[in-house]
Amino acid sequence: MNTLTDRYLAATLRTVPAARREEIATELRTAIEDMIDDRVGGGQDGATAEREVLTELGHPERLAARYADRRLQLIGPTYYLTWQQVLRRLLITIPGIVGVIVGVVQATVADDPTGAIGAGISAAFQAAVQIAFWVTLSFAILERTNTSLPLPEWNVDQLPETPAERDIRLPDTCASVAMVLFTLAFLPWQHFRSWVRDTDGERIPLLDPALWTSWLPVLAAVLLAGLVLEVVKYRTGRWTWPLVVANALLDLAFTVPLIWLVLTDRLLNPELVDRFGWLRDGDGLGVTGRITVVVIAAITLWDLADSALKARRSAARTSG
């Protein structure tokens, strides 16, 4: 009949190297018997002493890992901080970029604007999972093969500066960049992949094709400048008056030509207007244009006022 000690030894020896099992079995059995004898000598029942000794020794697989010098964690303290830093940097940038690219391609090349957001989110999630898996696997292999990495020694010079309070957050910047990218993607998409078709089934561009030789390149350049401004804003961390001025100039450089094109009926493709009776007949185009102008003006004024108020609060907090 197997005793508790026999069962404990069998469970422990199962996961230690075969070459050391006999040595470890002898050593461990002797240690267990000595501890039991000490307790029995103190007046304790033998069965109770055996149970308490084995309980104190702990889980047999944990004990076997100590004998075999085997790690019981996926990423140990030696590489954990480096693993965390690499993983964080990759997850912050790559999934978002992949999601935006896939979304733009889905909306333009695949001619599926309704599925673009879902495709982008799905691609970003899959990229994040792949990054987490392969980075973790790589560090786990390094951990178990005892590979030495030339990790720099830490010293006090590496201490970061006390973080300043940020007014411009990364999620806000990412949302703004994504909106600009989708707007840039819309310009060629509406020309080549418009969902509106004429009676012959041919696609009708939404915007006047003549604008490609005049205003559309200008508006696209303004949007690209807006991307640069978003990066500068994030790196600055707060609204400053020079940023407010730059933001206002870009807002006006985009909205003024856009409003002018709307009011002079030069924005929409004439073929598109002829395709829909509610635009062509009566004052449908004029009403649509006036509503569009009001919306554009309201958004622009709100953005200008919001940036100015944030710059004012930031300046007051800094001076205080």
Protein backbone atom coordinates (compact mmCIF):
# COMPACT_ATOMS: atom_id res chain seq x y z
CA MET A 1 0.00 0.00 0.00
CA ASN A 2 1.41 3.36 -1.00
CA THR A 3 1.87 5.81 1.84
CA LEU A 4 1.41 9.56 1.52
CA THR A 5 5.20 9.85 1.37
CA ASP A 6 5.37 7.39 -1.54
CA ARG A 7 2.67 9.27 -3.42
CA TYR A 8 4.40 12.59 -2.72
CA LEU A 9 7.74 11.30 -3.98
CA ALA A 10 6.16 9.88 -7.13
CA ALA A 11 4.42 13.18 -7.90
CA THR A 12 7.68 15.09 -7.34
CA LEU A 13 9.98 12.82 -9.30
CA ARG A 14 7.68 12.72 -12.33
CA THR A 15 8.90 16.11 -13.57
CA VAL A 16 12.59 16.07 -12.60
CA PRO A 17 15.37 14.96 -14.98
CA ALA A 18 15.58 11.18 -15.19
CA ALA A 19 19.31 11.22 -14.49
CA ARG A 20 18.75 12.78 -11.07
CA ARG A 21 15.61 10.96 -9.94
CA GLU A 22 17.36 8.33 -7.82
CA GLU A 23 19.56 10.92 -6.12
CA ILE A 24 16.64 13.27 -5.45
CA ALA A 25 14.40 10.40 -4.28
CA THR A 26 16.96 9.28 -1.70
CA GLU A 27 17.63 12.81 -0.48
CA LEU A 28 13.98 13.79 -0.28
CA ARG A 29 12.82 10.56 1.41
CA THR A 30 15.53 10.89 4.03
CA ALA A 31 14.58 14.51 4.70
CA ILE A 32 10.87 13.65 5.03
CA GLU A 33 11.56 10.73 7.36
CA ASP A 34 13.82 12.88 9.56
CA MET A 35 11.17 15.61 9.86
CA ILE A 36 8.49 13.04 10.68
CA ASP A 37 10.72 11.42 13.32
CA ASP A 38 11.33 14.81 14.94
CA ARG A 39 7.59 15.39 15.27
CA VAL A 40 6.88 11.89 16.47
CA GLY A 41 9.65 12.30 19.07
CA GLY A 42 7.83 15.35 20.32
CA GLY A 43 4.73 13.27 20.99
CA GLN A 44 2.81 13.76 17.73
CA ASP A 45 0.90 10.96 16.03
CA GLY A 46 2.85 9.43 13.10
CA ALA A 47 0.08 9.83 10.48
CA THR A 48 -0.60 13.40 11.53
CA ALA A 49 3.12 14.21 11.49
CA GLU A 50 3.50 12.79 7.99
CA ARG A 51 0.55 14.81 6.69
CA GLU A 52 1.82 18.06 8.23
CA VAL A 53 5.40 17.56 6.94
CA LEU A 54 4.24 16.95 3.37
CA THR A 55 1.88 19.92 3.59
CA GLU A 56 4.75 22.17 4.68
CA LEU A 57 6.91 20.96 1.79
CA GLY A 58 4.25 22.29 -0.58
CA HIS A 59 3.08 21.33 -4.04
CA PRO A 60 5.26 18.51 -5.44
CA GLU A 61 5.60 20.17 -8.86
CA ARG A 62 6.83 23.37 -7.22
CA LEU A 63 9.37 21.37 -5.24
CA ALA A 64 10.42 19.51 -8.40
CA ALA A 65 10.94 22.85 -10.18
CA ARG A 66 13.35 23.91 -7.43
CA TYR A 67 15.32 20.67 -7.73
CA ALA A 68 15.44 20.99 -11.54
CA ASP A 69 16.13 24.75 -11.46
CA ARG A 70 13.10 25.21 -13.71
CA ARG A 71 11.15 28.47 -13.91
CA LEU A 72 7.47 28.44 -13.07
CA GLN A 73 6.67 31.76 -14.69
CA LEU A 74 6.26 32.62 -18.35
CA ILE A 75 8.39 35.78 -18.18
CA GLY A 76 10.63 36.14 -15.15
CA PRO A 77 11.91 39.31 -13.45
CA THR A 78 15.08 39.39 -15.56
CA TYR A 79 13.23 40.12 -18.79
CA TYR A 80 9.81 41.24 -17.55
CA LEU A 81 10.37 45.01 -17.70
CA THR A 82 11.96 44.80 -21.16
CA TRP A 83 9.09 42.58 -22.38
CA GLN A 84 6.56 45.04 -20.98
CA GLN A 85 8.27 48.04 -22.59
CA VAL A 86 8.58 46.40 -26.03
CA LEU A 87 5.00 45.14 -25.94
CA ARG A 88 3.60 48.51 -24.87
CA ARG A 89 5.42 50.42 -27.61
CA LEU A 90 4.32 48.03 -30.34
CA LEU A 91 0.70 47.89 -29.18
CA ILE A 92 0.43 51.67 -29.01
CA THR A 93 1.41 52.19 -32.65
CA ILE A 94 1.07 49.17 -34.93
CA PRO A 95 -2.58 48.04 -34.37
CA GLY A 96 -3.88 51.58 -34.92
CA ILE A 97 -1.90 52.01 -38.14
CA VAL A 98 -3.01 48.61 -39.42
CA GLY A 99 -6.64 49.36 -38.57
CA VAL A 100 -6.62 52.70 -40.40
CA ILE A 101 -4.91 51.26 -43.49
CA VAL A 102 -7.31 48.30 -43.69
CA GLY A 103 -10.30 50.58 -43.17
CA VAL A 104 -9.20 52.94 -45.93
CA VAL A 105 -8.51 50.06 -48.34
CA GLN A 106 -11.89 48.50 -47.51
CA ALA A 107 -13.67 51.78 -48.18
CA THR A 108 -11.84 52.61 -51.41
CA VAL A 109 -10.37 49.61 -53.19
CA ALA A 110 -12.96 47.11 -51.94
CA ASP A 111 -15.80 49.62 -52.42
CA ASP A 112 -17.32 48.78 -49.03
CA PRO A 113 -17.55 51.97 -46.94
CA THR A 114 -20.15 50.50 -44.60
CA GLY A 115 -17.81 47.69 -43.61
CA ALA A 116 -14.67 49.83 -43.39
CA ILE A 117 -14.93 50.60 -39.68
CA GLY A 118 -15.61 46.99 -38.72
CA ALA A 119 -12.79 45.74 -40.95
CA GLY A 120 -10.39 48.28 -39.44
CA ILE A 121 -11.30 47.35 -35.86
CA SER A 122 -11.02 43.63 -36.63
CA ALA A 123 -7.62 44.09 -38.29
CA ALA A 124 -6.35 46.20 -35.37
CA PHE A 125 -7.49 43.56 -32.87
CA GLN A 126 -5.86 40.74 -34.83
CA ALA A 127 -2.63 42.74 -35.10
CA ALA A 128 -2.64 43.32 -31.33
CA VAL A 129 -3.16 39.60 -30.64
CA GLN A 130 -0.36 38.61 -33.02
CA ILE A 131 2.02 41.16 -31.49
CA ALA A 132 1.25 40.01 -27.94
CA PHE A 133 1.69 36.33 -28.87
CA TRP A 134 4.97 36.58 -30.78
CA VAL A 135 6.63 39.06 -28.43
CA THR A 136 5.67 36.96 -25.39
CA LEU A 137 6.79 33.73 -27.09
CA SER A 138 10.14 35.27 -28.00
CA PHE A 139 10.83 36.40 -24.44
CA ALA A 140 9.64 33.06 -23.02
CA ILE A 141 12.18 31.28 -25.23
CA LEU A 142 14.91 33.69 -24.14
CA GLU A 143 13.94 33.01 -20.52
CA ARG A 144 14.15 29.23 -20.84
CA THR A 145 17.33 29.12 -22.91
CA ASN A 146 19.13 31.46 -20.51
CA THR A 147 20.04 33.72 -23.41
CA SER A 148 21.96 36.73 -22.23
CA LEU A 149 20.71 40.03 -23.58
CA PRO A 150 22.92 43.12 -23.47
CA LEU A 151 20.49 44.95 -21.19
CA PRO A 152 21.87 48.27 -19.90
CA GLU A 153 22.34 48.62 -16.18
CA TRP A 154 19.88 50.98 -14.55
CA ASN A 155 21.12 54.21 -12.99
CA VAL A 156 19.51 57.34 -11.61
CA ASP A 157 20.22 59.28 -14.81
CA GLN A 158 17.49 57.22 -16.45
CA LEU A 159 14.81 58.58 -14.13
CA PRO A 160 12.17 60.39 -16.23
CA GLU A 161 11.30 63.98 -15.64
CA THR A 162 8.26 64.62 -13.51
CA PRO A 163 5.44 64.30 -16.05
CA ALA A 164 3.77 67.57 -16.90
CA GLU A 165 0.02 67.72 -16.92
CA ARG A 166 -1.19 67.07 -20.48
CA ASP A 167 -4.14 68.79 -22.09
CA ILE A 168 -3.85 66.78 -25.31
CA ARG A 169 -4.34 63.05 -24.82
CA LEU A 170 -3.26 60.23 -27.10
CA PRO A 171 -6.84 58.95 -27.75
CA ASP A 172 -7.90 62.45 -28.86
CA THR A 173 -4.92 62.70 -31.19
CA CYS A 174 -5.58 59.24 -32.64
CA ALA A 175 -9.22 60.13 -33.26
CA SER A 176 -8.26 63.37 -35.00
CA VAL A 177 -5.63 61.65 -37.15
CA ALA A 178 -8.09 58.91 -38.11
CA MET A 179 -10.70 61.49 -39.12
CA VAL A 180 -8.20 63.33 -41.32
CA LEU A 181 -7.06 60.08 -42.94
CA PHE A 182 -10.62 59.03 -43.68
CA THR A 183 -11.31 62.46 -45.19
CA LEU A 184 -8.22 62.16 -47.38
CA ALA A 185 -9.31 58.67 -48.44
CA PHE A 186 -12.80 59.93 -49.26
CA LEU A 187 -11.53 62.28 -51.95
CA PRO A 188 -10.29 59.57 -54.38
CA TRP A 189 -12.91 57.09 -53.21
CA GLN A 190 -15.86 59.29 -54.14
CA HIS A 191 -14.37 59.76 -57.60
CA PHE A 192 -13.58 56.14 -58.44
CA ARG A 193 -15.91 54.16 -56.13
CA SER A 194 -18.99 56.32 -55.75
CA TRP A 195 -22.15 54.44 -54.78
CA VAL A 196 -24.22 56.68 -57.10
CA ARG A 197 -24.73 55.36 -60.62
CA ASP A 198 -26.39 56.78 -63.72
CA THR A 199 -29.06 55.03 -65.75
CA ASP A 200 -26.36 53.07 -67.61
CA GLY A 201 -24.85 51.80 -64.37
CA GLU A 202 -21.76 54.00 -64.57
CA ARG A 203 -20.47 55.48 -61.33
CA ILE A 204 -21.06 59.20 -60.82
CA PRO A 205 -18.39 61.02 -58.77
CA LEU A 206 -19.91 62.97 -55.89
CA LEU A 207 -17.64 66.00 -56.24
CA ASP A 208 -17.12 67.94 -59.45
CA PRO A 209 -14.25 66.20 -61.32
CA ALA A 210 -13.05 69.63 -62.48
CA LEU A 211 -11.95 70.32 -58.89
CA TRP A 212 -9.06 67.88 -59.28
CA THR A 213 -7.23 70.52 -61.29
CA SER A 214 -8.03 73.30 -58.84
CA TRP A 215 -9.29 73.05 -55.27
CA LEU A 216 -9.14 69.39 -54.31
CA PRO A 217 -5.30 69.20 -54.28
CA VAL A 218 -5.29 72.37 -52.16
CA LEU A 219 -7.75 70.91 -49.67
CA ALA A 220 -5.76 67.66 -49.55
CA ALA A 221 -2.58 69.63 -48.81
CA VAL A 222 -4.35 71.46 -45.99
CA LEU A 223 -5.45 68.11 -44.53
CA LEU A 224 -1.88 66.80 -44.66
CA ALA A 225 -0.71 69.94 -42.87
CA GLY A 226 -3.40 69.18 -40.30
CA LEU A 227 -1.81 65.79 -39.69
CA VAL A 228 1.51 67.49 -38.96
CA LEU A 229 -0.23 69.88 -36.58
CA GLU A 230 -1.83 66.98 -34.68
CA VAL A 231 1.60 65.42 -34.13
CA VAL A 232 3.07 68.73 -32.99
CA LYS A 233 0.13 69.29 -30.63
CA TYR A 234 0.58 65.89 -29.05
CA ARG A 235 4.33 66.31 -28.60
CA THR A 236 3.76 69.73 -27.04
CA GLY A 237 1.18 68.23 -24.70
CA ARG A 238 -0.93 71.35 -24.39
CA TRP A 239 -2.46 74.13 -26.39
CA THR A 240 -0.25 77.18 -26.89
CA TRP A 241 -1.13 80.42 -28.66
CA PRO A 242 1.11 79.63 -31.65
CA LEU A 243 -0.72 76.33 -32.01
CA VAL A 244 -4.04 78.13 -31.77
CA VAL A 245 -2.98 80.46 -34.59
CA ALA A 246 -1.74 77.56 -36.74
CA ASN A 247 -4.97 75.65 -36.10
CA ALA A 248 -7.06 78.71 -37.00
CA LEU A 249 -5.14 79.26 -40.23
CA LEU A 250 -5.62 75.63 -41.28
CA ASP A 251 -9.31 75.71 -40.34
CA LEU A 252 -9.85 78.82 -42.44
CA ALA A 253 -7.71 77.47 -45.29
CA PHE A 254 -10.02 74.47 -45.48
CA THR A 255 -13.44 75.91 -44.64
CA VAL A 256 -13.34 79.18 -46.61
CA PRO A 257 -12.75 77.51 -50.01
CA LEU A 258 -15.21 74.77 -49.08
CA ILE A 259 -17.94 77.25 -48.19
CA TRP A 260 -17.24 79.25 -51.33
CA LEU A 261 -17.53 76.12 -53.47
CA VAL A 262 -20.83 75.22 -51.78
CA LEU A 263 -22.36 78.69 -52.16
CA THR A 264 -21.36 78.94 -55.84
CA ASP A 265 -22.68 75.42 -56.60
CA ARG A 266 -19.22 74.25 -57.67
CA LEU A 267 -18.68 71.51 -55.12
CA LEU A 268 -21.06 68.78 -56.27
CA ASN A 269 -20.77 67.04 -59.60
CA PRO A 270 -23.38 68.48 -62.03
CA GLU A 271 -24.18 64.93 -63.14
CA LEU A 272 -24.98 64.06 -59.53
CA VAL A 273 -27.36 67.01 -59.24
CA ASP A 274 -29.13 65.99 -62.45
CA ARG A 275 -29.41 62.42 -61.16
CA PHE A 276 -31.57 63.41 -58.15
CA GLY A 277 -34.75 65.33 -58.70
CA TRP A 278 -34.88 66.81 -55.20
CA LEU A 279 -31.53 68.51 -55.88
CA ARG A 280 -32.30 69.52 -59.44
CA ASP A 281 -35.86 70.83 -59.05
CA GLY A 282 -36.83 73.95 -57.15
CA ASP A 283 -34.41 75.23 -54.52
CA GLY A 284 -33.26 71.84 -53.28
CA LEU A 285 -29.63 72.48 -54.09
CA GLY A 286 -29.74 75.93 -52.47
CA VAL A 287 -31.32 74.67 -49.26
CA THR A 288 -28.82 71.82 -49.05
CA GLY A 289 -25.96 74.27 -49.61
CA ARG A 290 -27.14 76.68 -46.92
CA ILE A 291 -27.54 73.89 -44.37
CA THR A 292 -24.08 72.61 -45.25
CA VAL A 293 -22.56 76.07 -44.82
CA VAL A 294 -24.18 76.51 -41.41
CA VAL A 295 -22.88 73.13 -40.24
CA ILE A 296 -19.35 73.81 -41.53
CA ALA A 297 -19.28 77.28 -39.97
CA ALA A 298 -20.58 75.99 -36.63
CA ILE A 299 -17.96 73.24 -36.47
CA THR A 300 -15.18 75.65 -37.40
CA LEU A 301 -16.23 78.29 -34.86
CA TRP A 302 -16.52 75.67 -32.14
CA ASP A 303 -13.03 74.37 -32.92
CA LEU A 304 -11.54 77.87 -32.89
CA ALA A 305 -13.24 78.78 -29.61
CA ASP A 306 -12.35 75.46 -27.99
CA SER A 307 -8.66 75.74 -28.88
CA ALA A 308 -8.49 79.33 -27.65
CA LEU A 309 -10.14 78.49 -24.32
CA LYS A 310 -7.78 75.54 -23.79
CA ALA A 311 -4.75 77.70 -24.58
CA ARG A 312 -5.99 80.33 -22.14
CA ARG A 313 -6.48 77.79 -19.35
CA SER A 314 -3.07 76.26 -20.07
CA ALA A 315 -1.35 79.64 -19.97
CA ALA A 316 -3.11 80.53 -16.71
CA ARG A 317 -2.10 77.24 -15.11
CA THR A 318 1.51 77.65 -16.24
CA SER A 319 1.80 81.22 -14.97
CA GLY A 320 0.11 80.29 -11.71
